[in-house]
C-alpha atoms as a PDB file:
ATOM      1  CA  MET A   1      16.103  -8.036 -40.572  1.00  0.00           C
ATOM      2  CA  ARG A   2      15.113  -5.968 -36.802  1.00  0.00           C
ATOM      3  CA  THR A   3      15.387  -1.893 -37.187  1.00  0.00           C
ATOM      4  CA  SER A   4      17.116  -1.204 -34.460  1.00  0.00           C
ATOM      5  CA  LEU A   5      17.315   2.969 -32.581  1.00  0.00           C
ATOM      6  CA  LYS A   6      20.021   3.498 -35.299  1.00  0.00           C
ATOM      7  CA  ASP A   7      17.820   3.047 -38.072  1.00  0.00           C
ATOM      8  CA  ILE A   8      15.088   5.326 -36.504  1.00  0.00           C
ATOM      9  CA  ALA A   9      18.383   7.596 -36.225  1.00  0.00           C
ATOM     10  CA  GLU A  10      19.222   7.790 -39.808  1.00  0.00           C
ATOM     11  CA  TYR A  11      15.918   7.866 -40.698  1.00  0.00           C
ATOM     12  CA  THR A  12      14.959  11.218 -39.098  1.00  0.00           C
ATOM     13  CA  GLY A  13      18.162  12.970 -39.210  1.00  0.00           C
ATOM     14  CA  LEU A  14      18.847  13.026 -35.556  1.00  0.00           C
ATOM     15  CA  SER A  15      21.697  11.773 -33.786  1.00  0.00           C
ATOM     16  CA  LYS A  16      20.974   8.506 -31.428  1.00  0.00           C
ATOM     17  CA  SER A  17      21.405   9.862 -28.358  1.00  0.00           C
ATOM     18  CA  ALA A  18      18.438  12.092 -28.919  1.00  0.00           C
ATOM     19  CA  VAL A  19      15.841   9.541 -30.640  1.00  0.00           C
ATOM     20  CA  SER A  20      17.139   7.545 -27.241  1.00  0.00           C
ATOM     21  CA  MET A  21      16.292  10.715 -25.001  1.00  0.00           C
ATOM     22  CA  HIS A  22      12.187  10.730 -26.017  1.00  0.00           C
ATOM     23  CA  LEU A  23      12.233   6.828 -26.285  1.00  0.00           C
ATOM     24  CA  ASN A  24      13.670   6.491 -22.660  1.00  0.00           C
ATOM     25  CA  LYS A  25      11.270   9.087 -21.241  1.00  0.00           C
ATOM     26  CA  HIS A  26      14.476  11.182 -20.544  1.00  0.00           C
ATOM     27  CA  GLN A  27      13.757  14.160 -18.515  1.00  0.00           C
ATOM     28  CA  LEU A  28      15.943  15.870 -21.230  1.00  0.00           C
ATOM     29  CA  ALA A  29      13.991  15.131 -23.591  1.00  0.00           C
ATOM     30  CA  ALA A  30      11.031  17.585 -23.056  1.00  0.00           C
ATOM     31  CA  ARG A  31      13.776  19.929 -24.430  1.00  0.00           C
ATOM     32  CA  LEU A  32      12.701  18.542 -28.004  1.00  0.00           C
ATOM     33  CA  SER A  33      10.396  19.587 -30.287  1.00  0.00           C
ATOM     34  CA  SER A  34       6.780  18.884 -30.704  1.00  0.00           C
ATOM     35  CA  ALA A  35       7.824  18.574 -34.526  1.00  0.00           C
ATOM     36  CA  THR A  36      10.691  16.358 -33.616  1.00  0.00           C
ATOM     37  CA  ARG A  37       9.285  13.962 -31.237  1.00  0.00           C
ATOM     38  CA  ALA A  38       6.098  14.223 -33.603  1.00  0.00           C
ATOM     39  CA  LYS A  39       9.055  12.341 -36.436  1.00  0.00           C
ATOM     40  CA  ILE A  40      10.373   9.509 -34.052  1.00  0.00           C
ATOM     41  CA  ASP A  41       6.918   8.855 -33.386  1.00  0.00           C
ATOM     42  CA  ALA A  42       6.079   8.438 -36.430  1.00  0.00           C
ATOM     43  CA  ALA A  43       9.518   6.170 -37.297  1.00  0.00           C
ATOM     44  CA  VAL A  44       8.876   4.235 -35.097  1.00  0.00           C
ATOM     45  CA  LYS A  45       5.353   3.441 -36.056  1.00  0.00           C
ATOM     46  CA  LYS A  46       6.246   3.068 -39.421  1.00  0.00           C
ATOM     47  CA  PHE A  47       8.375   0.466 -38.783  1.00  0.00           C
ATOM     48  CA  ASN A  48       7.811  -0.892 -35.526  1.00  0.00           C
ATOM     49  CA  TYR A  49      10.126  -0.482 -33.730  1.00  0.00           C
ATOM     50  CA  VAL A  50      10.798  -2.079 -30.080  1.00  0.00           C
ATOM     51  CA  PRO A  51      13.910  -1.027 -27.995  1.00  0.00           C
ATOM     52  CA  SER A  52      16.235  -4.086 -26.922  1.00  0.00           C
ATOM     53  CA  TYR A  53      15.389  -4.127 -23.138  1.00  0.00           C
ATOM     54  CA  THR A  54      18.903  -5.663 -22.819  1.00  0.00           C
ATOM     55  CA  ALA A  55      20.711  -3.541 -24.924  1.00  0.00           C
ATOM     56  CA  ARG A  56      19.297  -0.658 -22.367  1.00  0.00           C
ATOM     57  CA  ALA A  57      20.592  -2.443 -20.171  1.00  0.00           C
ATOM     58  CA  LEU A  58      23.899  -3.291 -21.189  1.00  0.00           C
ATOM     59  CA  SER A  59      24.579   0.648 -21.302  1.00  0.00           C
ATOM     60  CA  SER A  60      23.142   1.662 -18.415  1.00  0.00           C
ATOM     61  CA  GLY A  61      23.823  -0.755 -15.763  1.00  0.00           C
ATOM     62  CA  LYS A  62      19.411  -0.336 -15.343  1.00  0.00           C
ATOM     63  CA  THR A  63      16.780  -3.092 -15.820  1.00  0.00           C
ATOM     64  CA  GLN A  64      13.930  -0.602 -15.519  1.00  0.00           C
ATOM     65  CA  THR A  65      12.873  -3.421 -13.237  1.00  0.00           C
ATOM     66  CA  ILE A  66      11.226  -3.114 -10.104  1.00  0.00           C
ATOM     67  CA  GLY A  67      10.451  -6.196  -7.484  1.00  0.00           C
ATOM     68  CA  PHE A  68       7.632  -7.077  -5.240  1.00  0.00           C
ATOM     69  CA  VAL A  69       7.071  -9.351  -2.711  1.00  0.00           C
ATOM     70  CA  VAL A  70       3.577 -10.449  -2.018  1.00  0.00           C
ATOM     71  CA  ALA A  71       2.347 -13.027   0.329  1.00  0.00           C
ATOM     72  CA  GLU A  72      -0.612 -14.722  -2.399  1.00  0.00           C
ATOM     73  CA  LEU A  73      -1.655 -13.105  -4.970  1.00  0.00           C
ATOM     74  CA  ALA A  74      -4.659 -14.506  -5.355  1.00  0.00           C
ATOM     75  CA  MET A  75      -6.011 -12.645  -1.322  1.00  0.00           C
ATOM     76  CA  PRO A  76      -7.876  -9.454  -3.498  1.00  0.00           C
ATOM     77  CA  TYR A  77      -6.010  -7.081  -0.787  1.00  0.00           C
ATOM     78  CA  ASN A  78      -2.444  -8.446  -2.420  1.00  0.00           C
ATOM     79  CA  SER A  79      -4.177  -7.618  -5.981  1.00  0.00           C
ATOM     80  CA  LEU A  80      -5.356  -4.425  -5.375  1.00  0.00           C
ATOM     81  CA  MET A  81      -1.357  -3.824  -4.309  1.00  0.00           C
ATOM     82  CA  ALA A  82       0.047  -5.047  -7.406  1.00  0.00           C
ATOM     83  CA  SER A  83      -2.435  -3.369  -9.472  1.00  0.00           C
ATOM     84  CA  ALA A  84      -1.859  -0.014  -8.398  1.00  0.00           C
ATOM     85  CA  LEU A  85       2.150  -0.558  -8.634  1.00  0.00           C
ATOM     86  CA  ILE A  86       1.480  -1.796 -11.814  1.00  0.00           C
ATOM     87  CA  ASP A  87      -0.461   1.403 -12.456  1.00  0.00           C
ATOM     88  CA  GLU A  88       2.426   3.558 -10.813  1.00  0.00           C
ATOM     89  CA  THR A  89       5.334   1.602 -11.960  1.00  0.00           C
ATOM     90  CA  SER A  90       4.262   2.332 -15.644  1.00  0.00           C
ATOM     91  CA  LYS A  91       4.470   5.750 -15.132  1.00  0.00           C
ATOM     92  CA  HIS A  92       7.794   6.094 -15.063  1.00  0.00           C
ATOM     93  CA  ASN A  93       7.614   3.295 -17.487  1.00  0.00           C
ATOM     94  CA  VAL A  94       9.228   0.768 -15.251  1.00  0.00           C
ATOM     95  CA  GLN A  95       8.420  -3.157 -15.254  1.00  0.00           C
ATOM     96  CA  LEU A  96       6.702  -5.010 -12.574  1.00  0.00           C
ATOM     97  CA  LEU A  97       8.339  -8.637 -11.719  1.00  0.00           C
ATOM     98  CA  ILE A  98       6.080 -10.317  -8.709  1.00  0.00           C
ATOM     99  CA  SER A  99       7.165 -12.693  -6.239  1.00  0.00           C
ATOM    100  CA  ALA A 100       4.896 -14.868  -4.195  1.00  0.00           C
ATOM    101  CA  THR A 101       6.129 -16.110  -0.977  1.00  0.00           C
ATOM    102  CA  LYS A 102       3.140 -18.616  -0.301  1.00  0.00           C
ATOM    103  CA  TYR A 103       3.702 -17.491   3.813  1.00  0.00           C
ATOM    104  CA  SER A 104       6.506 -20.156   3.384  1.00  0.00           C
ATOM    105  CA  PRO A 105      10.096 -18.043   5.066  1.00  0.00           C
ATOM    106  CA  GLU A 106      11.432 -20.495   3.342  1.00  0.00           C
ATOM    107  CA  LYS A 107      10.068 -19.032  -0.020  1.00  0.00           C
ATOM    108  CA  GLU A 108       9.983 -15.513   0.954  1.00  0.00           C
ATOM    109  CA  VAL A 109      13.991 -15.469   0.853  1.00  0.00           C
ATOM    110  CA  LYS A 110      13.719 -17.380  -2.515  1.00  0.00           C
ATOM    111  CA  CYS A 111      11.553 -14.700  -3.940  1.00  0.00           C
ATOM    112  CA  LEU A 112      14.078 -11.908  -2.795  1.00  0.00           C
ATOM    113  CA  GLU A 113      17.395 -14.158  -3.842  1.00  0.00           C
ATOM    114  CA  ASP A 114      15.857 -14.477  -7.331  1.00  0.00           C
ATOM    115  CA  LEU A 115      14.953 -10.607  -7.851  1.00  0.00           C
ATOM    116  CA  LEU A 116      18.263 -10.207  -7.143  1.00  0.00           C
ATOM    117  CA  SER A 117      19.685 -12.636  -9.575  1.00  0.00           C
ATOM    118  CA  ARG A 118      17.462 -11.178 -12.100  1.00  0.00           C
ATOM    119  CA  ARG A 119      19.010  -7.519 -11.852  1.00  0.00           C
ATOM    120  CA  ALA A 120      16.037  -5.916 -11.059  1.00  0.00           C
ATOM    121  CA  ASP A 121      17.056  -2.659  -9.675  1.00  0.00           C
ATOM    122  CA  GLY A 122      14.966  -2.296  -6.944  1.00  0.00           C
ATOM    123  CA  ILE A 123      11.987  -3.722  -4.449  1.00  0.00           C
ATOM    124  CA  ILE A 124       9.000  -2.378  -2.976  1.00  0.00           C
ATOM    125  CA  TYR A 125       8.861  -4.902   0.446  1.00  0.00           C
ATOM    126  CA  PRO A 126       5.243  -5.383   2.237  1.00  0.00           C
ATOM    127  CA  LEU A 127       6.102  -8.122   4.300  1.00  0.00           C
ATOM    128  CA  SER A 128       6.969  -8.624   8.150  1.00  0.00           C
ATOM    129  CA  PRO A 129      11.091  -7.273   7.207  1.00  0.00           C
ATOM    130  CA  PRO A 130      13.570  -9.456   6.137  1.00  0.00           C
ATOM    131  CA  SER A 131      14.581 -12.008   9.033  1.00  0.00           C
ATOM    132  CA  ALA A 132      17.919 -10.435  10.745  1.00  0.00           C
ATOM    133  CA  ASP A 133      19.396 -13.864  11.579  1.00  0.00           C
ATOM    134  CA  THR A 134      19.735 -14.364   7.220  1.00  0.00           C
ATOM    135  CA  LYS A 135      22.968 -13.408   5.494  1.00  0.00           C
ATOM    136  CA  LEU A 136      20.497 -12.712   2.593  1.00  0.00           C
ATOM    137  CA  TYR A 137      19.031  -9.313   5.223  1.00  0.00           C
ATOM    138  CA  ASN A 138      22.663  -9.085   6.364  1.00  0.00           C
ATOM    139  CA  ARG A 139      23.542  -8.010   2.083  1.00  0.00           C
ATOM    140  CA  LEU A 140      20.835  -6.126   1.498  1.00  0.00           C
ATOM    141  CA  ILE A 141      22.237  -3.854   3.947  1.00  0.00           C
ATOM    142  CA  GLU A 142      25.898  -3.514   3.643  1.00  0.00           C
ATOM    143  CA  GLU A 143      25.345  -3.009  -0.355  1.00  0.00           C
ATOM    144  CA  HIS A 144      22.600  -0.883   0.158  1.00  0.00           C
ATOM    145  CA  TYR A 145      19.645  -1.940  -1.839  1.00  0.00           C
ATOM    146  CA  PRO A 146      17.205   0.198  -2.792  1.00  0.00           C
ATOM    147  CA  LEU A 147      14.346  -1.536  -0.971  1.00  0.00           C
ATOM    148  CA  VAL A 148      11.342  -0.257   0.663  1.00  0.00           C
ATOM    149  CA  MET A 149       8.857  -1.389   2.675  1.00  0.00           C
ATOM    150  CA  ALA A 150       5.651  -0.225   2.806  1.00  0.00           C
ATOM    151  CA  PHE A 151       2.948  -0.979   5.009  1.00  0.00           C
ATOM    152  CA  ASN A 152       5.576  -2.310   7.699  1.00  0.00           C
ATOM    153  CA  GLN A 153       8.678  -0.611   8.485  1.00  0.00           C
ATOM    154  CA  ASP A 154      12.131  -1.899   8.987  1.00  0.00           C
ATOM    155  CA  LYS A 155      15.036   0.373  10.584  1.00  0.00           C
ATOM    156  CA  ASN A 156      17.197  -0.324   8.437  1.00  0.00           C
ATOM    157  CA  PHE A 157      15.294   0.085   4.950  1.00  0.00           C
ATOM    158  CA  HIS A 158      13.318   3.439   4.035  1.00  0.00           C
ATOM    159  CA  SER A 159       9.603   3.299   4.708  1.00  0.00           C
ATOM    160  CA  ALA A 160       6.293   4.335   4.178  1.00  0.00           C
ATOM    161  CA  VAL A 161       3.691   3.539   6.195  1.00  0.00           C
ATOM    162  CA  LYS A 162      -0.220   4.388   7.126  1.00  0.00           C
ATOM    163  CA  ASP A 163      -0.592   6.125  10.461  1.00  0.00           C
ATOM    164  CA  SER A 164      -4.011   6.040  12.139  1.00  0.00           C
ATOM    165  CA  THR A 165      -2.700   7.556  15.304  1.00  0.00           C
ATOM    166  CA  GLU A 166      -4.875  11.154  14.566  1.00  0.00           C
ATOM    167  CA  ALA A 167      -7.755   9.586  12.916  1.00  0.00           C
ATOM    168  CA  MET A 168      -8.206   6.958  15.989  1.00  0.00           C
ATOM    169  CA  ARG A 169      -7.822  10.293  17.948  1.00  0.00           C
ATOM    170  CA  GLN A 170     -10.891  11.705  16.380  1.00  0.00           C
ATOM    171  CA  ALA A 171     -12.413   8.533  16.527  1.00  0.00           C
ATOM    172  CA  ALA A 172     -12.660   7.268  19.984  1.00  0.00           C
ATOM    173  CA  THR A 173     -12.966  11.363  21.360  1.00  0.00           C
ATOM    174  CA  PHE A 174     -16.189  11.293  19.722  1.00  0.00           C
ATOM    175  CA  PHE A 175     -17.561   8.261  21.414  1.00  0.00           C
ATOM    176  CA  ARG A 176     -16.698   9.407  24.595  1.00  0.00           C
ATOM    177  CA  ARG A 177     -18.670  13.231  23.564  1.00  0.00           C
ATOM    178  CA  ASN A 178     -21.557  10.608  22.285  1.00  0.00           C
ATOM    179  CA  GLY A 179     -21.570   8.628  26.039  1.00  0.00           C
ATOM    180  CA  ALA A 180     -18.891   6.276  25.415  1.00  0.00           C
ATOM    181  CA  ASP A 181     -17.463   4.398  28.834  1.00  0.00           C
ATOM    182  CA  GLU A 182     -15.456   1.814  27.463  1.00  0.00           C
ATOM    183  CA  ILE A 183     -14.876   0.795  23.243  1.00  0.00           C
ATOM    184  CA  THR A 184     -13.962  -2.254  21.965  1.00  0.00           C
ATOM    185  CA  ILE A 185     -11.782  -3.118  18.969  1.00  0.00           C
ATOM    186  CA  ILE A 186     -11.857  -5.444  16.462  1.00  0.00           C
ATOM    187  CA  ALA A 187      -9.059  -5.842  14.377  1.00  0.00           C
ATOM    188  CA  CYS A 188      -6.176  -8.438  12.958  1.00  0.00           C
ATOM    189  CA  ASP A 189      -3.176  -9.643  15.346  1.00  0.00           C
ATOM    190  CA  ASP A 190      -0.591  -7.216  16.427  1.00  0.00           C
ATOM    191  CA  THR A 191       1.084  -8.972  14.900  1.00  0.00           C
ATOM    192  CA  LEU A 192      -0.341  -8.684  11.001  1.00  0.00           C
ATOM    193  CA  PHE A 193      -0.832  -4.694  10.938  1.00  0.00           C
ATOM    194  CA  GLN A 194       1.114  -2.168  11.917  1.00  0.00           C
ATOM    195  CA  SER A 195       1.209   1.408  11.704  1.00  0.00           C
ATOM    196  CA  SER A 196       3.102   4.430  11.377  1.00  0.00           C
ATOM    197  CA  GLY A 197       5.272   2.591  13.793  1.00  0.00           C
ATOM    198  CA  GLU A 198       2.384   1.325  16.181  1.00  0.00           C
ATOM    199  CA  LYS A 199       0.619  -1.308  16.557  1.00  0.00           C
ATOM    200  CA  MET A 200      -2.941  -0.975  15.688  1.00  0.00           C
ATOM    201  CA  TYR A 201      -3.567  -1.942  19.210  1.00  0.00           C
ATOM    202  CA  ASP A 202      -1.159   0.557  21.007  1.00  0.00           C
ATOM    203  CA  LEU A 203      -2.377   3.637  18.641  1.00  0.00           C
ATOM    204  CA  PHE A 204      -6.354   2.378  20.164  1.00  0.00           C
ATOM    205  CA  ILE A 205      -4.973   2.293  24.109  1.00  0.00           C
ATOM    206  CA  LYS A 206      -3.491   5.405  23.664  1.00  0.00           C
ATOM    207  CA  ALA A 207      -6.362   7.196  22.333  1.00  0.00           C
ATOM    208  CA  CYS A 208      -8.625   5.812  24.521  1.00  0.00           C
ATOM    209  CA  GLU A 209      -6.528   6.597  27.270  1.00  0.00           C
ATOM    210  CA  GLU A 210      -6.744  10.123  25.987  1.00  0.00           C
ATOM    211  CA  SER A 211      -9.960  10.358  25.932  1.00  0.00           C
ATOM    212  CA  GLY A 212     -11.020   9.329  29.170  1.00  0.00           C
ATOM    213  CA  CYS A 213     -12.057   5.820  27.681  1.00  0.00           C
ATOM    214  CA  LYS A 214     -11.284   2.361  28.946  1.00  0.00           C
ATOM    215  CA  SER A 215     -10.487   0.411  26.079  1.00  0.00           C
ATOM    216  CA  ASN A 216     -11.606  -3.525  25.436  1.00  0.00           C
ATOM    217  CA  THR A 217      -9.799  -5.540  22.163  1.00  0.00           C
ATOM    218  CA  GLU A 218     -10.179  -7.979  20.722  1.00  0.00           C
ATOM    219  CA  PRO A 219      -8.014  -9.874  18.246  1.00  0.00           C
ATOM    220  CA  VAL A 220      -8.018 -12.239  15.323  1.00  0.00           C
ATOM    221  CA  ASP A 221      -6.129 -13.766  13.240  1.00  0.00           C
ATOM    222  CA  LEU A 222      -7.473 -12.758   9.313  1.00  0.00           C
ATOM    223  CA  LEU A 223      -5.628 -16.216   8.450  1.00  0.00           C
ATOM    224  CA  ASN A 224      -7.467 -18.465  10.839  1.00  0.00           C
ATOM    225  CA  ALA A 225     -11.374 -18.347  10.441  1.00  0.00           C
ATOM    226  CA  SER A 226     -12.037 -20.282  13.465  1.00  0.00           C
ATOM    227  CA  THR A 227     -10.115 -17.054  15.603  1.00  0.00           C
ATOM    228  CA  ILE A 228     -12.292 -14.890  13.742  1.00  0.00           C
ATOM    229  CA  ASP A 229     -16.227 -17.062  14.790  1.00  0.00           C
ATOM    230  CA  ALA A 230     -14.343 -17.320  18.106  1.00  0.00           C
ATOM    231  CA  CYS A 231     -14.343 -13.806  18.456  1.00  0.00           C
ATOM    232  CA  LEU A 232     -17.443 -12.670  16.227  1.00  0.00           C
ATOM    233  CA  GLU A 233     -19.725 -14.877  18.428  1.00  0.00           C
ATOM    234  CA  ARG A 234     -18.531 -13.726  22.040  1.00  0.00           C
ATOM    235  CA  ILE A 235     -19.076  -9.590  20.737  1.00  0.00           C
ATOM    236  CA  SER A 236     -22.502 -10.507  19.143  1.00  0.00           C
ATOM    237  CA  ARG A 237     -23.637 -11.999  22.163  1.00  0.00           C
ATOM    238  CA  ASN A 238     -23.068  -9.884  24.251  1.00  0.00           C
ATOM    239  CA  PRO A 239     -22.413  -6.379  21.550  1.00  0.00           C
ATOM    240  CA  PRO A 240     -20.905  -3.627  23.138  1.00  0.00           C
ATOM    241  CA  ASP A 241     -23.093   0.266  22.312  1.00  0.00           C
ATOM    242  CA  PHE A 242     -19.460   1.549  21.122  1.00  0.00           C
ATOM    243  CA  LEU A 243     -17.326  -0.259  18.742  1.00  0.00           C
ATOM    244  CA  ILE A 244     -13.924  -0.049  16.414  1.00  0.00           C
ATOM    245  CA  VAL A 245     -13.925  -3.367  13.086  1.00  0.00           C
ATOM    246  CA  GLN A 246     -10.795  -3.204  11.299  1.00  0.00           C
ATOM    247  CA  GLY A 247     -12.450  -3.636   7.269  1.00  0.00           C
ATOM    248  CA  PRO A 248     -15.277  -4.152   5.573  1.00  0.00           C
ATOM    249  CA  LEU A 249     -15.256  -7.689   5.982  1.00  0.00           C
ATOM    250  CA  LEU A 250     -15.106  -7.996   9.225  1.00  0.00           C
ATOM    251  CA  LEU A 251     -18.275  -5.983   9.381  1.00  0.00           C
ATOM    252  CA  THR A 252     -20.448  -7.653   7.616  1.00  0.00           C
ATOM    253  CA  ALA A 253     -20.033 -11.434   9.281  1.00  0.00           C
ATOM    254  CA  LEU A 254     -20.510  -9.164  12.533  1.00  0.00           C
ATOM    255  CA  ARG A 255     -23.324  -7.981  10.816  1.00  0.00           C
ATOM    256  CA  HIS A 256     -24.900 -11.046  10.345  1.00  0.00           C
ATOM    257  CA  LYS A 257     -23.699 -12.722  13.838  1.00  0.00           C
ATOM    258  CA  LEU A 258     -25.884 -10.105  15.783  1.00  0.00           C
ATOM    259  CA  GLN A 259     -28.866 -10.913  13.450  1.00  0.00           C
ATOM    260  CA  ARG A 260     -28.707 -14.303  14.429  1.00  0.00           C
ATOM    261  CA  TYR A 261     -29.017 -13.228  17.672  1.00  0.00           C
ATOM    262  CA  GLN A 262     -30.856 -11.073  17.690  1.00  0.00           C
ATOM    263  CA  LYS A 263     -28.509  -8.520  19.045  1.00  0.00           C
ATOM    264  CA  LYS A 264     -29.553  -4.956  18.939  1.00  0.00           C
ATOM    265  CA  PHE A 265     -26.949  -2.802  17.136  1.00  0.00           C
ATOM    266  CA  PRO A 266     -23.818  -0.933  18.104  1.00  0.00           C
ATOM    267  CA  ARG A 267     -21.949   1.996  16.982  1.00  0.00           C
ATOM    268  CA  ILE A 268     -19.678   0.927  14.802  1.00  0.00           C
ATOM    269  CA  ILE A 269     -16.894   3.124  13.106  1.00  0.00           C
ATOM    270  CA  ASN A 270     -14.712   1.039  10.335  1.00  0.00           C
ATOM    271  CA  ILE A 271     -11.698   1.099   9.314  1.00  0.00           C
ATOM    272  CA  ILE A 272     -11.160   0.846   5.854  1.00  0.00           C
ATOM    273  CA  ASP A 273      -8.889   1.104   2.922  1.00  0.00           C
ATOM    274  CA  ARG A 274      -9.729   3.714  -0.175  1.00  0.00           C
ATOM    275  CA  TRP A 275      -9.936   0.743  -2.368  1.00  0.00           C
ATOM    276  CA  GLU A 276     -12.436  -1.319   0.222  1.00  0.00           C
ATOM    277  CA  SER A 277     -16.279  -1.102  -0.269  1.00  0.00           C
ATOM    278  CA  PRO A 278     -18.013  -0.146   2.806  1.00  0.00           C
ATOM    279  CA  PRO A 279     -21.378  -1.098   3.630  1.00  0.00           C
ATOM    280  CA  LEU A 280     -22.381   2.727   3.638  1.00  0.00           C
ATOM    281  CA  ARG A 281     -25.890   2.389   4.125  1.00  0.00           C
ATOM    282  CA  ASP A 282     -25.314  -0.041   7.560  1.00  0.00           C
ATOM    283  CA  GLU A 283     -27.834   1.348   9.764  1.00  0.00           C
ATOM    284  CA  MET A 284     -24.761   0.048  12.290  1.00  0.00           C
ATOM    285  CA  LEU A 285     -22.022   2.017  10.633  1.00  0.00           C
ATOM    286  CA  VAL A 286     -22.003   5.927  12.086  1.00  0.00           C
ATOM    287  CA  GLY A 287     -17.908   6.882  11.139  1.00  0.00           C
ATOM    288  CA  VAL A 288     -14.674   5.140   9.020  1.00  0.00           C
ATOM    289  CA  ILE A 289     -12.014   5.414   9.750  1.00  0.00           C
ATOM    290  CA  MET A 290     -10.269   5.871   5.587  1.00  0.00           C
ATOM    291  CA  CYS A 291      -6.720   5.097   4.883  1.00  0.00           C
ATOM    292  CA  TYR A 292      -5.171   6.215   1.645  1.00  0.00           C
ATOM    293  CA  PRO A 293      -3.044   2.674   0.353  1.00  0.00           C
ATOM    294  CA  ASP A 294      -2.780   4.459  -3.335  1.00  0.00           C
ATOM    295  CA  LYS A 295      -1.130   6.867  -1.433  1.00  0.00           C
ATOM    296  CA  ILE A 296       0.985   4.731   0.518  1.00  0.00           C
ATOM    297  CA  ILE A 297       2.295   2.950  -3.236  1.00  0.00           C
ATOM    298  CA  LYS A 298       3.179   6.131  -4.766  1.00  0.00           C
ATOM    299  CA  LYS A 299       5.129   7.176  -1.960  1.00  0.00           C
ATOM    300  CA  ALA A 300       6.609   4.150  -1.846  1.00  0.00           C
ATOM    301  CA  VAL A 301       7.565   3.941  -5.793  1.00  0.00           C
ATOM    302  CA  ASP A 302       9.026   7.557  -5.507  1.00  0.00           C
ATOM    303  CA  ILE A 303      11.410   7.260  -2.866  1.00  0.00           C
ATOM    304  CA  LEU A 304      12.228   4.232  -4.454  1.00  0.00           C
ATOM    305  CA  LEU A 305      13.172   5.410  -7.490  1.00  0.00           C
ATOM    306  CA  ARG A 306      15.329   8.844  -5.499  1.00  0.00           C
ATOM    307  CA  LEU A 307      17.402   5.543  -4.803  1.00  0.00           C
ATOM    308  CA  ILE A 308      17.645   3.979  -7.961  1.00  0.00           C
ATOM    309  CA  ASN A 309      18.986   7.128  -9.603  1.00  0.00           C
ATOM    310  CA  ASN A 310      20.458   8.425  -7.214  1.00  0.00           C
ATOM    311  CA  PRO A 311      22.366   5.772  -5.839  1.00  0.00           C
ATOM    312  CA  ASP A 312      24.690   7.761  -4.275  1.00  0.00           C
ATOM    313  CA  ASP A 313      22.549   9.150  -1.686  1.00  0.00           C
ATOM    314  CA  ASP A 314      21.628   6.739   0.862  1.00  0.00           C
ATOM    315  CA  GLY A 315      21.224   8.930   3.630  1.00  0.00           C
ATOM    316  CA  ILE A 316      20.160   7.597   6.513  1.00  0.00           C
ATOM    317  CA  PRO A 317      16.546   5.138   5.918  1.00  0.00           C
ATOM    318  CA  PHE A 318      13.674   6.971   6.422  1.00  0.00           C
ATOM    319  CA  LEU A 319      10.041   6.555   7.432  1.00  0.00           C
ATOM    320  CA  VAL A 320       7.112   8.157   5.255  1.00  0.00           C
ATOM    321  CA  LYS A 321       3.523   8.428   6.711  1.00  0.00           C
ATOM    322  CA  GLU A 322      -0.041   8.395   5.183  1.00  0.00           C
ATOM    323  CA  PRO A 323      -2.467   9.890   7.354  1.00  0.00           C
ATOM    324  CA  ALA A 324      -5.597   8.744   7.431  1.00  0.00           C
ATOM    325  CA  ASP A 325      -8.412  10.219   8.114  1.00  0.00           C
ATOM    326  CA  PHE A 326     -11.723  10.293  10.237  1.00  0.00           C
ATOM    327  CA  LEU A 327     -14.609  10.341   8.598  1.00  0.00           C
ATOM    328  CA  LEU A 328     -17.994  11.070   9.814  1.00  0.00           C
ATOM    329  CA  SER A 329     -21.481   9.759   8.729  1.00  0.00           C
ATOM    330  CA  TRP A 330     -23.795   9.616  12.172  1.00  0.00           C
ATOM    331  CA  PRO A 331     -26.922  11.314  10.598  1.00  0.00           C
ATOM    332  CA  GLY A 332     -28.021  14.543  11.533  1.00  0.00           C
ATOM    333  CA  ASP A 333     -23.798  14.931  12.338  1.00  0.00           C
ATOM    334  CA  THR A 334     -22.929  18.437  12.052  1.00  0.00           C
ATOM    335  CA  CYS A 335     -19.572  17.808  11.191  1.00  0.00           C
ATOM    336  CA  GLU A 336     -18.419  18.478   7.394  1.00  0.00           C
ATOM    337  CA  ASN A 337     -16.403  14.737   6.647  1.00  0.00           C
ATOM    338  CA  THR A 338     -20.641  13.976   6.282  1.00  0.00           C
ATOM    339  CA  ILE A 339     -21.096  10.817   4.258  1.00  0.00           C
ATOM    340  CA  ASP A 340     -21.095  12.056   0.982  1.00  0.00           C
ATOM    341  CA  GLU A 341     -16.707  12.787   1.122  1.00  0.00           C
ATOM    342  CA  VAL A 342     -16.898   9.285   1.704  1.00  0.00           C
ATOM    343  CA  LYS A 343     -18.958   8.152  -1.394  1.00  0.00           C
ATOM    344  CA  ARG A 344     -16.739  10.770  -3.360  1.00  0.00           C
ATOM    345  CA  LEU A 345     -13.636   9.866  -1.825  1.00  0.00           C
ATOM    346  CA  MET A 346     -14.539   5.923  -2.685  1.00  0.00           C
ATOM    347  CA  ARG A 347     -15.286   7.265  -6.239  1.00  0.00           C
ATOM    348  CA  TYR A 348     -19.333   5.853  -6.707  1.00  0.00           C
END
């Protein structure tokens, strides 16, 4: 016969509520003595007790699950997001339900509907905002369903995003101090990347204006290899002196192109996330704009759990920003944020 919570309580001589508090890692469990907690753990191990999540959900009205909707889990960046979310939710004794849209708008709606039907307590949503034309979008708003946008934002939902504003300004100023009259940026299309509520190119153009440089944008679609190849071909034939490149993969591809045409290497600042691996020893690289997606995920989970545990304290949706850092790697530069600091942040 399967061991129940009642059996553990009777064996230890404790109340069911005390045992439940400890096993569910309730904040009040801290009041239990270490001897009491050890007694419960010993009983759980002795009888191979496994909590009934169904009973727990019926009792609390919560399933201890959080949904995560992603476009394609096979994409390395999405896998890293999922891994970080699993690590973060496990700290709170919460299970993660992952659903993939496969870049289909219809499947995106289906993913959300499935998570709602499975009674997920809330959802972390890193994609573009759900279409305002759908009944589901309006339902989520009307029911004040706990949904947090991550790496993107919507005025009707709480959001946690990157903020590259100051880092971009510092990067443009640095290039200007070192002789730049014009700076080029290679980054994904505006519709695919948002930072602090502003699109990447808008931040870049504003930073160039403030530093006194001309700006030149080279958009690419990360889902369309031909646009990337065409862009890198243009840049490689006539490389600028100063360049900002989004992501280590674009930087590596650009380097190969430049070598093919035997062109001089421009001075490059690479926009990277802390869990990516930049080509730190590349002679082209003079600095990085370091973003921290792990911190964004932590903030998104914290916000979501607060919404779940305090449903009456929903309030007006707010935007939480995680600032990026501009870190120099130019040889001989006196800035405190040297390449050694970059390596430390990358956990080398």
